[in-house]
Amino acid sequence: MQLRYAATAAAISLSLAGCQRTAYNNDDYSAAPLQAQPVPSVQSSQLPPTTGASQFPAAPTNTPNAGNQQQQQAMAASAQDVTKESMVGSWKVSNGGASCDMFLTLTNLGSGSRGGTRGCAGELTTMGSWEVSGKQVILKNRDGSQIGTLYKTADSRFNGSTASGQPLSLSR
């Protein structure tokens, strides 16, 4: 038994031997103040007058997603009520002609609930969470940025689009 205590004491002594306090000796540094450096003189002049024209290009008026935005507005106007609890579970996803699976849970993740996809392509591969806002279901990536929007269009069916404008639908 004494051998055990002796071995423990020896181990503690060896481990503490490696702990040493190191400090810098301030006597090695001179305490002389720094010398001021010259500063060049400041010049001033008038800025040219603004012409009223923006330095940024005009936004395009006919974007490829313009039709998609109108379609989203129409779906939002006729969307059915949706609850988080009704969304939980497994969904079949159709995205731009391809299909995959989506899984939605009520486990909290940031401001939404945890969700994910399997076998999806594009933006949906980054899905990490989802939330319900009014009649809208918002899909988000792992950084919390919106990657898709869906509206309930029928029992067990949601339609919408990804952030890039690809058509998106969920069904059971």
Protein backbone atom coordinates (compact mmCIF):
# COMPACT_ATOMS: atom_id res chain seq x y z
CA MET A 1 0.00 0.00 0.00
CA GLN A 2 2.88 2.34 0.88
CA LEU A 3 4.44 1.58 -2.48
CA ARG A 4 1.26 2.80 -4.13
CA TYR A 5 1.38 6.13 -2.23
CA ALA A 6 5.05 6.52 -3.01
CA ALA A 7 4.42 5.92 -6.73
CA THR A 8 1.59 8.46 -6.72
CA ALA A 9 3.73 11.05 -4.94
CA ALA A 10 6.58 10.46 -7.40
CA ALA A 11 4.23 10.92 -10.37
CA ILE A 12 2.85 14.15 -8.95
CA SER A 13 6.37 15.45 -8.24
CA LEU A 14 7.51 14.69 -11.79
CA SER A 15 4.47 16.35 -13.35
CA LEU A 16 4.92 19.48 -11.22
CA ALA A 17 8.63 19.63 -12.04
CA GLY A 18 7.71 20.51 -15.63
CA CYS A 19 5.75 23.55 -14.49
CA GLN A 20 8.08 26.50 -14.27
CA ARG A 21 7.30 30.16 -14.25
CA THR A 22 8.95 32.12 -17.01
CA ALA A 23 8.98 35.88 -17.12
CA TYR A 24 10.74 38.50 -19.12
CA ASN A 25 13.35 40.58 -17.38
CA ASN A 26 12.36 44.20 -17.97
CA ASP A 27 15.94 45.34 -17.23
CA ASP A 28 16.92 44.16 -20.73
CA TYR A 29 14.74 46.79 -22.41
CA SER A 30 15.59 50.48 -22.50
CA ALA A 31 13.01 52.87 -21.15
CA ALA A 32 13.87 55.62 -23.67
CA PRO A 33 10.78 57.32 -25.15
CA LEU A 34 10.08 57.03 -28.86
CA GLN A 35 11.05 59.95 -31.06
CA ALA A 36 8.28 61.86 -32.87
CA GLN A 37 8.18 61.40 -36.62
CA PRO A 38 7.45 64.19 -39.13
CA VAL A 39 3.96 64.22 -40.68
CA PRO A 40 3.45 65.53 -44.23
CA SER A 41 1.10 68.47 -44.66
CA VAL A 42 -2.56 67.89 -45.52
CA GLN A 43 -3.90 69.16 -48.83
CA SER A 44 -7.49 69.99 -49.66
CA SER A 45 -9.47 70.61 -52.83
CA GLN A 46 -13.08 70.64 -54.04
CA LEU A 47 -14.74 67.47 -55.26
CA PRO A 48 -16.23 67.58 -58.75
CA PRO A 49 -19.99 68.21 -58.84
CA THR A 50 -22.24 65.17 -59.06
CA THR A 51 -23.98 64.64 -62.38
CA GLY A 52 -27.02 62.96 -60.85
CA ALA A 53 -26.20 59.72 -62.67
CA SER A 54 -25.68 56.67 -60.52
CA GLN A 55 -22.37 54.88 -60.54
CA PHE A 56 -24.28 51.60 -60.49
CA PRO A 57 -25.88 50.02 -63.56
CA ALA A 58 -29.65 49.95 -63.81
CA ALA A 59 -31.38 46.79 -62.63
CA PRO A 60 -32.62 44.59 -65.45
CA THR A 61 -36.33 44.96 -66.09
CA ASN A 62 -37.00 41.54 -67.56
CA THR A 63 -35.31 38.99 -65.32
CA PRO A 64 -35.68 35.24 -65.82
CA ASN A 65 -37.27 34.97 -62.36
CA ALA A 66 -39.94 37.62 -63.09
CA GLY A 67 -42.42 34.91 -64.15
CA ASN A 68 -41.46 32.84 -61.14
CA GLN A 69 -42.11 35.80 -58.80
CA GLN A 70 -45.57 36.27 -60.30
CA GLN A 71 -46.24 32.55 -59.87
CA GLN A 72 -45.05 32.73 -56.22
CA GLN A 73 -47.39 35.67 -55.57
CA ALA A 74 -50.31 33.73 -57.06
CA MET A 75 -49.51 30.68 -54.90
CA ALA A 76 -49.21 32.88 -51.80
CA ALA A 77 -52.63 34.43 -52.46
CA SER A 78 -54.36 31.05 -52.74
CA ALA A 79 -52.25 29.10 -50.21
CA GLN A 80 -53.91 26.94 -47.57
CA ASP A 81 -53.12 27.22 -43.86
CA VAL A 82 -50.12 25.20 -42.69
CA THR A 83 -48.84 24.17 -39.25
CA LYS A 84 -45.36 22.99 -38.26
CA GLU A 85 -46.77 19.78 -36.84
CA SER A 86 -48.36 18.86 -40.18
CA MET A 87 -44.98 19.23 -41.93
CA VAL A 88 -43.05 16.79 -39.73
CA GLY A 89 -41.91 13.60 -41.40
CA SER A 90 -40.68 12.36 -44.76
CA TRP A 91 -41.53 14.06 -48.08
CA LYS A 92 -40.92 13.24 -51.72
CA VAL A 93 -39.31 16.22 -53.44
CA SER A 94 -39.51 17.19 -57.10
CA ASN A 95 -36.95 19.84 -58.01
CA GLY A 96 -36.35 20.87 -61.60
CA GLY A 97 -37.29 17.45 -62.98
CA ALA A 98 -35.25 15.46 -60.43
CA SER A 99 -36.62 13.76 -57.33
CA CYS A 100 -35.22 13.16 -53.86
CA ASP A 101 -36.30 12.89 -50.20
CA MET A 102 -36.71 15.53 -47.48
CA PHE A 103 -37.00 14.92 -43.76
CA LEU A 104 -38.46 17.54 -41.39
CA THR A 105 -38.35 17.41 -37.58
CA LEU A 106 -39.43 19.65 -34.71
CA THR A 107 -35.91 19.67 -33.21
CA ASN A 108 -34.88 23.31 -32.77
CA LEU A 109 -32.00 24.57 -34.90
CA GLY A 110 -31.40 28.31 -34.82
CA SER A 111 -34.64 30.14 -35.56
CA GLY A 112 -36.17 27.09 -37.25
CA SER A 113 -36.38 23.34 -36.96
CA ARG A 114 -33.88 20.76 -38.15
CA GLY A 115 -34.40 19.29 -41.60
CA GLY A 116 -32.40 17.64 -44.34
CA THR A 117 -32.43 16.01 -47.73
CA ARG A 118 -31.18 12.77 -49.27
CA GLY A 119 -30.37 12.32 -52.94
CA CYS A 120 -31.09 15.96 -53.84
CA ALA A 121 -29.01 18.17 -56.10
CA GLY A 122 -28.21 21.87 -56.16
CA GLU A 123 -29.31 24.18 -53.35
CA LEU A 124 -31.30 21.48 -51.57
CA THR A 125 -28.10 19.58 -50.70
CA THR A 126 -27.28 22.38 -48.24
CA MET A 127 -30.61 22.26 -46.40
CA GLY A 128 -30.24 22.32 -42.64
CA SER A 129 -33.45 23.83 -41.26
CA TRP A 130 -36.97 24.98 -42.06
CA GLU A 131 -39.71 27.13 -40.55
CA VAL A 132 -43.33 28.13 -41.09
CA SER A 133 -44.08 31.82 -41.50
CA GLY A 134 -47.78 32.48 -42.00
CA LYS A 135 -48.85 30.28 -44.92
CA GLN A 136 -45.30 29.97 -46.18
CA VAL A 137 -42.76 27.20 -45.52
CA ILE A 138 -39.19 28.49 -45.70
CA LEU A 139 -36.26 26.14 -46.32
CA LYS A 140 -32.84 27.29 -45.11
CA ASN A 141 -29.25 26.16 -45.58
CA ARG A 142 -26.89 25.40 -42.71
CA ASP A 143 -25.87 29.07 -42.55
CA GLY A 144 -29.50 30.17 -42.10
CA SER A 145 -29.90 31.66 -45.59
CA GLN A 146 -33.16 30.99 -47.40
CA ILE A 147 -32.86 28.38 -50.15
CA GLY A 148 -36.51 27.74 -50.94
CA THR A 149 -40.12 28.77 -50.37
CA LEU A 150 -43.21 26.57 -50.44
CA TYR A 151 -46.98 27.06 -50.12
CA LYS A 152 -49.61 24.43 -49.33
CA THR A 153 -51.64 23.93 -52.52
CA ALA A 154 -53.51 20.72 -51.59
CA ASP A 155 -53.66 18.11 -48.84
CA SER A 156 -50.14 16.61 -48.58
CA ARG A 157 -48.83 18.85 -51.39
CA PHE A 158 -46.65 21.97 -51.35
CA ASN A 159 -45.42 23.97 -54.34
CA GLY A 160 -42.88 26.75 -54.61
CA SER A 161 -39.36 27.38 -55.81
CA THR A 162 -35.74 27.41 -54.76
CA ALA A 163 -33.92 30.72 -54.24
CA SER A 164 -32.44 30.37 -57.74
CA GLY A 165 -35.91 30.04 -59.27
CA GLN A 166 -36.13 26.26 -59.84
CA PRO A 167 -39.65 24.83 -59.38
CA LEU A 168 -39.98 22.84 -56.17
CA SER A 169 -42.76 20.61 -54.85
CA LEU A 170 -43.24 18.33 -51.85
CA SER A 171 -45.73 15.48 -51.65
CA ARG A 172 -46.50 12.39 -49.55
